[in-house]
């Protein structure tokens, strides 16, 4: 496994596209994590107010709210990490790297483990980035301080990590099914941001399906379940009730999809003759 992981690193360390996508992702995370206060100050300078409340006093960086706020926004960027996985898997198939790995004595399970460790490493880097930036912003802006507040709701960081693992596993599976990286990237992007959200909206809100058995299917859709891991946090600043924990139902459904993705990946790898 360690050998396969080292080979994975050798394959990407000089690959410019990998570093460009990773840099874009971290830059976007940086904007999300540190741009909130600048946005509120800009709104204030333009005369905006929220029912007479100065927007800059909104506690978006307060502990423990900061963990749900930043992970929710950061979860929208996971598609960039999925692109990295898609390109990595596609290159293995295009340049017969996977076949050569098997010839060199690396089993298909070792190859699968190396890709999953690669995905886990990307997820860990992203999660640590959010944690460090959250600690910095909290130290600067939070009105409360102390271990009790800092440690509360850290479950959202774990949910964020798990979210990336599952989503990138989906990208891995699609890359094995469809061997054109450009097509997979477009398909995954459109499905994530357009096709499934529209389908879920129709099932949940359309008068033809609302209240029917079809509406009950919506929470079981793969992206819907992933998005449910970190509920929308911002309505609380308008004094609306929110879910401030990781819903168990979404966690179970997302875990079910992970099992399906990994089973599909293993099935495809075992089915193909790579020697």
Protein backbone atom coordinates (compact mmCIF):
# COMPACT_ATOMS: atom_id res chain seq x y z
CA UNK A 1 0.00 0.00 0.00
CA UNK A 2 2.82 2.39 0.87
CA UNK A 3 4.51 1.54 -2.41
CA UNK A 4 1.33 2.27 -4.36
CA UNK A 5 0.87 5.56 -2.52
CA UNK A 6 4.45 6.57 -3.37
CA UNK A 7 3.75 5.81 -7.02
CA UNK A 8 0.63 7.96 -6.79
CA UNK A 9 2.76 10.85 -5.57
CA UNK A 10 5.30 10.31 -8.36
CA UNK A 11 2.50 10.49 -10.92
CA UNK A 12 1.18 13.87 -9.75
CA UNK A 13 4.16 15.75 -8.32
CA UNK A 14 5.25 17.12 -11.72
CA UNK A 15 1.75 17.35 -13.18
CA UNK A 16 0.95 21.05 -13.65
CA UNK A 17 -2.83 20.62 -13.92
CA UNK A 18 -2.92 19.03 -10.46
CA UNK A 19 -1.15 21.97 -8.84
CA UNK A 20 -3.27 24.51 -10.73
CA UNK A 21 -6.55 22.88 -9.62
CA UNK A 22 -5.33 22.45 -6.06
CA UNK A 23 -4.16 26.07 -5.99
CA UNK A 24 -7.53 27.27 -7.33
CA UNK A 25 -9.31 25.22 -4.69
CA UNK A 26 -7.23 26.52 -1.78
CA UNK A 27 -7.51 30.08 -3.08
CA UNK A 28 -11.29 29.76 -3.24
CA UNK A 29 -11.32 28.36 0.29
CA UNK A 30 -9.17 31.29 1.39
CA UNK A 31 -11.70 33.74 -0.02
CA UNK A 32 -14.57 31.92 1.68
CA UNK A 33 -12.82 31.72 5.03
CA UNK A 34 -11.45 35.25 5.21
CA UNK A 35 -13.75 37.20 2.91
CA UNK A 36 -16.85 37.21 5.08
CA UNK A 37 -15.96 40.24 7.15
CA UNK A 38 -14.81 42.18 4.09
CA UNK A 39 -18.19 41.46 2.49
CA UNK A 40 -20.06 42.68 5.56
CA UNK A 41 -17.95 45.84 5.72
CA UNK A 42 -18.63 46.44 2.02
CA UNK A 43 -22.37 46.05 2.59
CA UNK A 44 -22.17 48.51 5.48
CA UNK A 45 -20.30 51.03 3.33
CA UNK A 46 -23.11 50.80 0.78
CA UNK A 47 -25.70 51.57 3.46
CA UNK A 48 -27.06 48.05 3.81
CA UNK A 49 -28.68 47.00 7.06
CA UNK A 50 -30.62 44.02 8.31
CA UNK A 51 -33.72 45.39 10.00
CA UNK A 52 -31.65 48.24 11.41
CA UNK A 53 -28.77 45.95 12.47
CA UNK A 54 -25.20 46.80 11.49
CA UNK A 55 -24.15 43.90 9.21
CA UNK A 56 -20.60 43.89 10.60
CA UNK A 57 -21.84 42.73 14.01
CA UNK A 58 -23.34 39.55 12.63
CA UNK A 59 -21.46 36.81 14.50
CA UNK A 60 -20.51 34.73 11.45
CA UNK A 61 -17.05 34.11 12.93
CA UNK A 62 -18.18 33.36 16.46
CA UNK A 63 -17.37 30.00 18.00
CA UNK A 64 -18.93 27.53 17.51
CA UNK A 65 -20.99 28.91 14.59
CA UNK A 66 -17.88 29.37 12.49
CA UNK A 67 -17.51 25.62 11.92
CA UNK A 68 -20.93 25.18 10.35
CA UNK A 69 -20.67 28.43 8.39
CA UNK A 70 -17.31 27.73 6.76
CA UNK A 71 -17.84 24.02 6.11
CA UNK A 72 -21.22 24.72 4.50
CA UNK A 73 -19.70 27.22 2.08
CA UNK A 74 -16.57 25.13 1.56
CA UNK A 75 -18.63 22.09 0.60
CA UNK A 76 -19.61 23.80 -2.66
CA UNK A 77 -15.98 23.72 -3.78
CA UNK A 78 -15.48 19.96 -3.51
CA UNK A 79 -16.19 19.69 -7.22
CA UNK A 80 -12.68 21.06 -7.86
CA UNK A 81 -11.15 18.23 -5.84
CA UNK A 82 -13.32 15.79 -7.79
CA UNK A 83 -11.83 17.18 -11.01
CA UNK A 84 -8.37 16.30 -9.69
CA UNK A 85 -9.48 12.74 -9.00
CA UNK A 86 -11.11 12.44 -12.44
CA UNK A 87 -7.96 13.58 -14.22
CA UNK A 88 -5.78 11.29 -12.09
CA UNK A 89 -7.87 8.19 -12.83
CA UNK A 90 -8.25 9.10 -16.49
CA UNK A 91 -4.49 9.51 -16.91
CA UNK A 92 -3.95 6.04 -15.46
CA UNK A 93 -6.24 4.62 -18.14
CA UNK A 94 -5.07 6.80 -21.03
CA UNK A 95 -1.38 6.15 -20.46
CA UNK A 96 -1.86 2.55 -19.28
CA UNK A 97 -0.36 3.41 -15.90
CA UNK A 98 -2.85 1.16 -14.14
CA UNK A 99 -1.93 -1.77 -16.41
CA UNK A 100 1.76 -1.16 -15.77
CA UNK A 101 1.17 -0.98 -11.99
CA UNK A 102 -0.51 -4.41 -12.12
CA UNK A 103 2.33 -5.83 -14.23
CA UNK A 104 4.80 -4.46 -11.68
CA UNK A 105 3.07 -6.45 -8.95
CA UNK A 106 0.65 -3.93 -7.46
CA UNK A 107 -2.72 -5.59 -6.95
CA UNK A 108 -5.99 -3.98 -7.94
CA UNK A 109 -6.89 -3.67 -4.26
CA UNK A 110 -3.61 -1.86 -3.63
CA UNK A 111 -4.40 0.46 -6.52
CA UNK A 112 -7.86 1.12 -5.07
CA UNK A 113 -6.32 1.73 -1.64
CA UNK A 114 -3.77 4.16 -3.11
CA UNK A 115 -6.51 6.19 -4.83
CA UNK A 116 -8.63 6.25 -1.68
CA UNK A 117 -5.61 7.38 0.35
CA UNK A 118 -5.00 10.06 -2.28
CA UNK A 119 -8.62 11.20 -1.91
CA UNK A 120 -8.34 11.09 1.89
CA UNK A 121 -5.17 13.20 1.71
CA UNK A 122 -6.94 15.85 -0.36
CA UNK A 123 -9.85 15.81 2.10
CA UNK A 124 -7.48 16.07 5.07
CA UNK A 125 -5.60 19.02 3.57
CA UNK A 126 -8.87 20.83 2.95
CA UNK A 127 -10.23 20.07 6.44
CA UNK A 128 -7.03 21.22 8.14
CA UNK A 129 -7.11 24.40 6.06
CA UNK A 130 -10.63 25.14 7.27
CA UNK A 131 -9.73 24.33 10.87
CA UNK A 132 -6.66 26.60 10.89
CA UNK A 133 -8.48 29.45 9.16
CA UNK A 134 -11.41 29.00 11.55
CA UNK A 135 -9.10 29.28 14.54
CA UNK A 136 -7.51 32.43 13.11
CA UNK A 137 -10.83 34.11 12.31
CA UNK A 138 -12.28 33.02 15.63
CA UNK A 139 -9.33 34.47 17.49
CA UNK A 140 -9.81 37.80 15.70
CA UNK A 141 -13.59 38.15 15.53
CA UNK A 142 -15.29 35.76 17.92
CA UNK A 143 -17.13 37.34 20.84
CA UNK A 144 -16.72 34.16 22.88
CA UNK A 145 -13.61 32.14 23.58
CA UNK A 146 -12.63 28.97 25.37
CA UNK A 147 -12.38 25.23 24.78
CA UNK A 148 -16.09 24.79 25.44
CA UNK A 149 -16.99 26.97 22.45
CA UNK A 150 -14.12 25.98 20.18
CA UNK A 151 -14.75 22.24 20.47
CA UNK A 152 -18.51 22.52 20.14
CA UNK A 153 -19.81 21.66 16.65
CA UNK A 154 -16.44 20.37 15.44
CA UNK A 155 -18.52 17.52 14.05
CA UNK A 156 -19.08 19.70 11.01
CA UNK A 157 -15.39 19.45 10.15
CA UNK A 158 -15.68 15.65 10.31
CA UNK A 159 -18.81 15.83 8.12
CA UNK A 160 -16.92 18.06 5.66
CA UNK A 161 -14.07 15.53 5.48
CA UNK A 162 -16.55 12.70 4.93
CA UNK A 163 -18.42 14.74 2.31
CA UNK A 164 -15.26 15.09 0.21
CA UNK A 165 -14.41 11.39 0.55
CA UNK A 166 -17.85 10.33 -0.73
CA UNK A 167 -18.05 12.88 -3.53
CA UNK A 168 -14.57 12.09 -4.83
CA UNK A 169 -15.40 8.37 -4.68
CA UNK A 170 -18.30 9.12 -7.01
CA UNK A 171 -15.88 10.94 -9.32
CA UNK A 172 -13.56 7.89 -9.16
CA UNK A 173 -16.39 5.55 -10.17
CA UNK A 174 -17.57 7.76 -13.04
CA UNK A 175 -13.99 7.99 -14.33
CA UNK A 176 -13.79 4.21 -14.56
CA UNK A 177 -17.14 4.00 -16.35
CA UNK A 178 -16.52 6.90 -18.77
CA UNK A 179 -12.94 7.13 -19.97
CA UNK A 180 -13.12 10.72 -21.21
CA UNK A 181 -12.09 13.09 -18.42
CA UNK A 182 -13.58 16.18 -20.08
CA UNK A 183 -16.97 14.53 -20.47
CA UNK A 184 -16.93 13.24 -16.88
CA UNK A 185 -16.02 16.67 -15.53
CA UNK A 186 -18.87 18.36 -17.42
CA UNK A 187 -21.34 15.60 -16.50
CA UNK A 188 -20.46 15.66 -12.80
CA UNK A 189 -20.51 19.46 -12.68
CA UNK A 190 -23.93 19.71 -14.35
CA UNK A 191 -25.40 16.86 -12.34
CA UNK A 192 -24.19 18.34 -9.05
CA UNK A 193 -25.24 21.93 -9.65
CA UNK A 194 -28.16 21.57 -12.05
CA UNK A 195 -29.70 18.19 -12.88
CA UNK A 196 -30.18 16.72 -9.42
CA UNK A 197 -31.12 19.99 -7.64
CA UNK A 198 -33.81 20.58 -10.27
CA UNK A 199 -35.04 16.99 -9.94
CA UNK A 200 -35.14 17.25 -6.15
CA UNK A 201 -37.01 20.57 -6.36
CA UNK A 202 -39.59 19.05 -8.71
CA UNK A 203 -40.10 16.01 -6.46
CA UNK A 204 -40.42 18.09 -3.30
CA UNK A 205 -42.32 21.17 -4.48
CA UNK A 206 -44.21 20.23 -7.61
CA UNK A 207 -47.98 19.86 -7.02
CA UNK A 208 -47.85 16.62 -9.00
CA UNK A 209 -45.39 14.98 -6.56
CA UNK A 210 -45.64 16.98 -3.31
CA UNK A 211 -46.89 14.80 -0.50
CA UNK A 212 -46.58 11.62 -2.58
CA UNK A 213 -44.21 8.70 -2.35
CA UNK A 214 -42.08 10.31 -5.06
CA UNK A 215 -41.37 13.28 -2.77
CA UNK A 216 -39.98 10.86 -0.20
CA UNK A 217 -37.32 9.79 -2.71
CA UNK A 218 -35.66 13.23 -2.85
CA UNK A 219 -33.60 12.91 0.39
CA UNK A 220 -32.15 9.65 -0.96
CA UNK A 221 -30.64 11.27 -4.05
CA UNK A 222 -26.81 11.17 -3.80
CA UNK A 223 -26.02 14.90 -3.92
CA UNK A 224 -29.08 15.78 -1.83
CA UNK A 225 -27.86 13.40 0.88
CA UNK A 226 -24.35 14.86 0.78
CA UNK A 227 -25.64 18.42 0.99
CA UNK A 228 -27.74 17.36 3.96
CA UNK A 229 -24.64 16.51 6.00
CA UNK A 230 -24.07 20.21 6.68
CA UNK A 231 -27.44 22.04 6.90
CA UNK A 232 -27.78 25.66 5.77
CA UNK A 233 -26.64 27.78 8.75
CA UNK A 234 -27.42 31.37 7.77
CA UNK A 235 -31.20 31.65 8.42
CA UNK A 236 -30.34 31.78 12.14
CA UNK A 237 -29.11 35.35 11.63
CA UNK A 238 -32.65 36.21 10.58
CA UNK A 239 -33.93 34.60 13.79
CA UNK A 240 -35.11 31.48 11.96
CA UNK A 241 -34.74 27.98 13.33
CA UNK A 242 -32.01 25.82 11.79
CA UNK A 243 -30.52 22.35 12.23
CA UNK A 244 -27.22 22.87 14.09
CA UNK A 245 -25.95 19.29 13.98
CA UNK A 246 -25.12 16.62 11.41
CA UNK A 247 -28.44 14.86 10.68
CA UNK A 248 -28.23 11.12 11.27
CA UNK A 249 -30.56 10.38 8.35
CA UNK A 250 -28.33 12.22 5.87
CA UNK A 251 -25.27 10.53 7.35
CA UNK A 252 -26.76 7.05 6.89
CA UNK A 253 -27.92 7.74 3.34
CA UNK A 254 -24.55 9.23 2.35
CA UNK A 255 -22.77 6.23 3.88
CA UNK A 256 -24.99 3.93 1.83
CA UNK A 257 -23.97 5.73 -1.34
CA UNK A 258 -20.29 5.41 -0.35
CA UNK A 259 -20.72 1.64 -0.08
CA UNK A 260 -22.34 1.61 -3.53
CA UNK A 261 -19.52 3.69 -5.05
CA UNK A 262 -16.75 1.56 -3.55
CA UNK A 263 -18.50 -1.66 -4.55
CA UNK A 264 -18.87 -0.37 -8.10
CA UNK A 265 -15.21 0.65 -8.26
CA UNK A 266 -14.03 -2.73 -6.99
CA UNK A 267 -16.36 -4.54 -9.40
CA UNK A 268 -15.04 -2.61 -12.41
CA UNK A 269 -11.42 -3.11 -11.41
CA UNK A 270 -11.88 -6.84 -10.91
CA UNK A 271 -13.81 -7.19 -14.15
CA UNK A 272 -11.16 -5.62 -16.36
CA UNK A 273 -8.22 -7.56 -17.73
CA UNK A 274 -5.23 -5.36 -17.08
CA UNK A 275 -2.45 -7.82 -17.86
